[in-house]
Amino acid sequence: MSEANATAQTAAEAELAKLLVDSLNLEGVAPADIDPDARLFGEGLGLDSIDALELALAVSKQYGFQLRSDNDENRRIFASLRALSAHIEQNRAA
């Protein structure tokens, strides 16, 4: 994916992208190459439900709050890097 057609990541999104790549051991994926508006699951980055659990655990450790599996908003929260980053910014421990 070239920078020309990708939306630029914010600093918070870049930090989260690095956490995502590191915690999920995504080989061949550079954090900077993750389009913040692209879907994380299915098409897009191609994550699955196990990845979601691992990512939720990593977010919990890094940002100090729980992402609950029974949250009705999870589909929206995990829709993209940008959506997840925005949710973290709203809920992270100070």
N, C-alpha and C. Protein backbone atom coordinates (compact mmCIF):
# COMPACT_ATOMS: atom_id res chain seq x y z
N MET A 1 0.86 -1.18 0.00
CA MET A 1 0.00 0.00 0.00
C MET A 1 0.90 1.23 0.00
N SER A 2 0.69 2.12 -0.89
CA SER A 2 1.54 3.31 -0.98
C SER A 2 0.99 4.42 -0.11
N GLU A 3 1.86 5.29 0.31
CA GLU A 3 1.45 6.42 1.14
C GLU A 3 0.47 7.33 0.41
N ALA A 4 0.52 7.34 -0.90
CA ALA A 4 -0.32 8.24 -1.68
C ALA A 4 -1.81 7.95 -1.48
N ASN A 5 -2.17 6.66 -1.35
CA ASN A 5 -3.59 6.35 -1.24
C ASN A 5 -4.00 5.95 0.18
N ALA A 6 -3.06 5.91 1.11
CA ALA A 6 -3.38 5.56 2.49
C ALA A 6 -3.60 6.83 3.30
N THR A 7 -4.53 6.77 4.23
CA THR A 7 -4.75 7.87 5.15
C THR A 7 -3.62 7.84 6.17
N ALA A 8 -3.08 8.98 6.51
CA ALA A 8 -1.98 9.05 7.45
C ALA A 8 -2.46 8.67 8.86
N GLN A 9 -1.59 7.98 9.59
CA GLN A 9 -1.89 7.61 10.96
C GLN A 9 -1.56 8.78 11.89
N THR A 10 -2.36 8.94 12.93
CA THR A 10 -2.02 9.88 13.99
C THR A 10 -0.96 9.22 14.87
N ALA A 11 -0.38 9.96 15.79
CA ALA A 11 0.62 9.39 16.71
C ALA A 11 0.01 8.25 17.53
N ALA A 12 -1.21 8.44 18.02
CA ALA A 12 -1.88 7.41 18.81
C ALA A 12 -2.16 6.17 17.96
N GLU A 13 -2.55 6.36 16.71
CA GLU A 13 -2.80 5.23 15.81
C GLU A 13 -1.51 4.49 15.50
N ALA A 14 -0.41 5.23 15.33
CA ALA A 14 0.88 4.60 15.05
C ALA A 14 1.32 3.75 16.24
N GLU A 15 1.12 4.26 17.45
CA GLU A 15 1.45 3.51 18.66
C GLU A 15 0.62 2.23 18.74
N LEU A 16 -0.67 2.34 18.46
CA LEU A 16 -1.56 1.19 18.49
C LEU A 16 -1.21 0.20 17.38
N ALA A 17 -0.87 0.69 16.21
CA ALA A 17 -0.48 -0.19 15.10
C ALA A 17 0.74 -1.02 15.48
N LYS A 18 1.70 -0.39 16.15
CA LYS A 18 2.89 -1.13 16.61
C LYS A 18 2.50 -2.19 17.63
N LEU A 19 1.62 -1.85 18.57
CA LEU A 19 1.15 -2.82 19.55
C LEU A 19 0.44 -3.98 18.85
N LEU A 20 -0.38 -3.67 17.86
CA LEU A 20 -1.12 -4.69 17.12
C LEU A 20 -0.16 -5.64 16.41
N VAL A 21 0.82 -5.11 15.70
CA VAL A 21 1.78 -5.94 14.96
C VAL A 21 2.61 -6.77 15.92
N ASP A 22 3.08 -6.15 17.01
CA ASP A 22 3.92 -6.86 17.98
C ASP A 22 3.15 -7.93 18.74
N SER A 23 1.96 -7.61 19.23
CA SER A 23 1.22 -8.55 20.07
C SER A 23 0.65 -9.72 19.26
N LEU A 24 0.36 -9.49 17.99
CA LEU A 24 -0.19 -10.56 17.14
C LEU A 24 0.86 -11.22 16.26
N ASN A 25 2.12 -10.78 16.40
CA ASN A 25 3.22 -11.34 15.59
C ASN A 25 2.87 -11.36 14.10
N LEU A 26 2.42 -10.22 13.59
CA LEU A 26 2.03 -10.12 12.19
C LEU A 26 3.28 -9.99 11.33
N GLU A 27 3.71 -11.09 10.78
CA GLU A 27 4.92 -11.08 9.95
C GLU A 27 4.61 -10.45 8.60
N GLY A 28 5.53 -9.65 8.12
CA GLY A 28 5.37 -9.02 6.83
C GLY A 28 4.47 -7.80 6.84
N VAL A 29 4.02 -7.37 8.03
CA VAL A 29 3.17 -6.19 8.15
C VAL A 29 3.92 -5.14 8.96
N ALA A 30 4.17 -4.00 8.35
CA ALA A 30 4.80 -2.89 9.07
C ALA A 30 3.70 -2.04 9.69
N PRO A 31 3.87 -1.62 10.94
CA PRO A 31 2.83 -0.80 11.58
C PRO A 31 2.44 0.42 10.73
N ALA A 32 3.42 1.05 10.10
CA ALA A 32 3.14 2.24 9.30
C ALA A 32 2.32 1.93 8.05
N ASP A 33 2.29 0.67 7.63
CA ASP A 33 1.54 0.29 6.43
C ASP A 33 0.08 0.00 6.69
N ILE A 34 -0.34 -0.01 7.95
CA ILE A 34 -1.74 -0.30 8.27
C ILE A 34 -2.56 0.97 8.04
N ASP A 35 -3.48 0.90 7.09
CA ASP A 35 -4.37 2.02 6.82
C ASP A 35 -5.32 2.16 8.01
N PRO A 36 -5.34 3.32 8.67
CA PRO A 36 -6.17 3.47 9.87
C PRO A 36 -7.66 3.31 9.62
N ASP A 37 -8.10 3.44 8.37
CA ASP A 37 -9.52 3.29 8.05
C ASP A 37 -9.88 1.91 7.51
N ALA A 38 -8.87 1.06 7.26
CA ALA A 38 -9.13 -0.27 6.72
C ALA A 38 -9.70 -1.17 7.81
N ARG A 39 -10.51 -2.13 7.41
CA ARG A 39 -11.10 -3.08 8.36
C ARG A 39 -10.00 -3.94 8.99
N LEU A 40 -10.14 -4.24 10.27
CA LEU A 40 -9.18 -5.10 10.94
C LEU A 40 -9.49 -6.58 10.73
N PHE A 41 -10.79 -6.91 10.61
CA PHE A 41 -11.21 -8.30 10.53
C PHE A 41 -11.76 -8.61 9.14
N GLY A 42 -11.71 -9.92 8.79
CA GLY A 42 -12.17 -10.32 7.46
C GLY A 42 -11.28 -9.72 6.41
N GLU A 43 -11.88 -9.13 5.39
CA GLU A 43 -11.07 -8.43 4.39
C GLU A 43 -10.37 -7.28 5.11
N GLY A 44 -9.41 -6.70 4.52
CA GLY A 44 -8.60 -5.70 5.22
C GLY A 44 -7.39 -6.39 5.82
N LEU A 45 -7.18 -6.24 7.12
CA LEU A 45 -6.02 -6.84 7.77
C LEU A 45 -6.18 -8.35 7.95
N GLY A 46 -7.41 -8.83 7.98
CA GLY A 46 -7.66 -10.27 8.02
C GLY A 46 -7.55 -10.91 9.39
N LEU A 47 -7.76 -10.17 10.44
CA LEU A 47 -7.70 -10.74 11.78
C LEU A 47 -8.92 -11.63 12.04
N ASP A 48 -8.78 -12.52 13.04
CA ASP A 48 -9.90 -13.40 13.40
C ASP A 48 -10.23 -13.24 14.89
N SER A 49 -11.13 -14.07 15.39
CA SER A 49 -11.61 -13.90 16.77
C SER A 49 -10.51 -14.15 17.80
N ILE A 50 -9.59 -15.05 17.53
CA ILE A 50 -8.46 -15.28 18.44
C ILE A 50 -7.59 -14.04 18.48
N ASP A 51 -7.37 -13.43 17.33
CA ASP A 51 -6.60 -12.18 17.28
C ASP A 51 -7.29 -11.10 18.12
N ALA A 52 -8.62 -11.06 18.07
CA ALA A 52 -9.37 -10.06 18.83
C ALA A 52 -9.13 -10.24 20.33
N LEU A 53 -9.12 -11.48 20.79
CA LEU A 53 -8.86 -11.74 22.21
C LEU A 53 -7.45 -11.32 22.60
N GLU A 54 -6.47 -11.67 21.76
CA GLU A 54 -5.09 -11.30 22.04
C GLU A 54 -4.91 -9.79 22.01
N LEU A 55 -5.55 -9.13 21.07
CA LEU A 55 -5.46 -7.68 20.96
C LEU A 55 -6.12 -7.01 22.16
N ALA A 56 -7.27 -7.53 22.60
CA ALA A 56 -7.94 -6.97 23.77
C ALA A 56 -7.06 -7.09 25.01
N LEU A 57 -6.37 -8.21 25.16
CA LEU A 57 -5.46 -8.40 26.28
C LEU A 57 -4.29 -7.42 26.21
N ALA A 58 -3.72 -7.25 25.03
CA ALA A 58 -2.61 -6.31 24.85
C ALA A 58 -3.04 -4.87 25.15
N VAL A 59 -4.23 -4.50 24.69
CA VAL A 59 -4.77 -3.16 24.95
C VAL A 59 -4.96 -2.97 26.45
N SER A 60 -5.49 -3.99 27.12
CA SER A 60 -5.71 -3.93 28.57
C SER A 60 -4.40 -3.68 29.31
N LYS A 61 -3.35 -4.41 28.93
CA LYS A 61 -2.05 -4.25 29.58
C LYS A 61 -1.44 -2.88 29.28
N GLN A 62 -1.54 -2.45 28.04
CA GLN A 62 -0.89 -1.21 27.60
C GLN A 62 -1.62 0.05 28.08
N TYR A 63 -2.95 0.02 28.03
CA TYR A 63 -3.71 1.25 28.25
C TYR A 63 -4.52 1.26 29.55
N GLY A 64 -4.54 0.15 30.30
CA GLY A 64 -5.12 0.15 31.63
C GLY A 64 -6.63 0.09 31.71
N PHE A 65 -7.29 -0.46 30.71
CA PHE A 65 -8.75 -0.69 30.81
C PHE A 65 -9.12 -1.93 30.02
N GLN A 66 -10.24 -2.53 30.38
CA GLN A 66 -10.69 -3.78 29.78
C GLN A 66 -11.57 -3.55 28.56
N LEU A 67 -11.32 -4.33 27.53
CA LEU A 67 -12.24 -4.42 26.40
C LEU A 67 -13.03 -5.71 26.63
N ARG A 68 -14.30 -5.60 26.89
CA ARG A 68 -15.11 -6.75 27.26
C ARG A 68 -15.66 -7.47 26.04
N SER A 69 -15.62 -8.79 26.08
CA SER A 69 -16.10 -9.59 24.94
C SER A 69 -17.61 -9.50 24.77
N ASP A 70 -18.34 -9.12 25.83
CA ASP A 70 -19.80 -9.06 25.74
C ASP A 70 -20.32 -7.65 25.44
N ASN A 71 -19.41 -6.76 25.06
CA ASN A 71 -19.81 -5.39 24.74
C ASN A 71 -20.49 -5.34 23.37
N ASP A 72 -21.70 -4.82 23.32
CA ASP A 72 -22.45 -4.73 22.07
C ASP A 72 -21.78 -3.82 21.05
N GLU A 73 -20.87 -2.97 21.51
CA GLU A 73 -20.20 -2.02 20.62
C GLU A 73 -18.93 -2.59 20.00
N ASN A 74 -18.57 -3.83 20.30
CA ASN A 74 -17.29 -4.37 19.82
C ASN A 74 -17.13 -4.31 18.30
N ARG A 75 -18.19 -4.56 17.58
CA ARG A 75 -18.09 -4.53 16.12
C ARG A 75 -17.66 -3.14 15.65
N ARG A 76 -18.18 -2.11 16.30
CA ARG A 76 -17.80 -0.73 15.97
C ARG A 76 -16.40 -0.42 16.49
N ILE A 77 -16.12 -0.82 17.74
CA ILE A 77 -14.83 -0.53 18.36
C ILE A 77 -13.68 -1.14 17.56
N PHE A 78 -13.84 -2.39 17.14
CA PHE A 78 -12.78 -3.10 16.43
C PHE A 78 -12.90 -2.98 14.91
N ALA A 79 -13.69 -2.04 14.42
CA ALA A 79 -13.91 -1.92 12.98
C ALA A 79 -12.62 -1.58 12.23
N SER A 80 -11.81 -0.71 12.81
CA SER A 80 -10.59 -0.26 12.14
C SER A 80 -9.59 0.21 13.20
N LEU A 81 -8.38 0.42 12.78
CA LEU A 81 -7.36 0.97 13.67
C LEU A 81 -7.81 2.32 14.22
N ARG A 82 -8.39 3.13 13.37
CA ARG A 82 -8.85 4.47 13.78
C ARG A 82 -9.95 4.37 14.84
N ALA A 83 -10.92 3.47 14.64
CA ALA A 83 -12.03 3.31 15.60
C ALA A 83 -11.51 2.80 16.93
N LEU A 84 -10.61 1.83 16.91
CA LEU A 84 -10.06 1.28 18.14
C LEU A 84 -9.22 2.33 18.86
N SER A 85 -8.44 3.08 18.13
CA SER A 85 -7.62 4.13 18.73
C SER A 85 -8.50 5.19 19.39
N ALA A 86 -9.58 5.59 18.74
CA ALA A 86 -10.49 6.59 19.31
C ALA A 86 -11.12 6.07 20.59
N HIS A 87 -11.51 4.79 20.61
CA HIS A 87 -12.10 4.19 21.80
C HIS A 87 -11.08 4.16 22.94
N ILE A 88 -9.85 3.83 22.62
CA ILE A 88 -8.79 3.81 23.64
C ILE A 88 -8.57 5.20 24.21
N GLU A 89 -8.52 6.20 23.35
CA GLU A 89 -8.29 7.56 23.81
C GLU A 89 -9.40 8.03 24.76
N GLN A 90 -10.62 7.57 24.52
CA GLN A 90 -11.76 7.95 25.37
C GLN A 90 -11.75 7.22 26.72
N ASN A 91 -11.12 6.04 26.77
CA ASN A 91 -11.25 5.19 27.95
C ASN A 91 -9.96 4.86 28.68
N ARG A 92 -8.82 5.26 28.15
CA ARG A 92 -7.56 4.85 28.75
C ARG A 92 -7.38 5.45 30.13
N ALA A 93 -6.64 4.71 30.96
CA ALA A 93 -6.32 5.20 32.31
C ALA A 93 -5.30 6.33 32.17
N ALA A 94 -5.44 7.33 32.99
CA ALA A 94 -4.55 8.50 32.91
C ALA A 94 -3.13 8.15 33.28
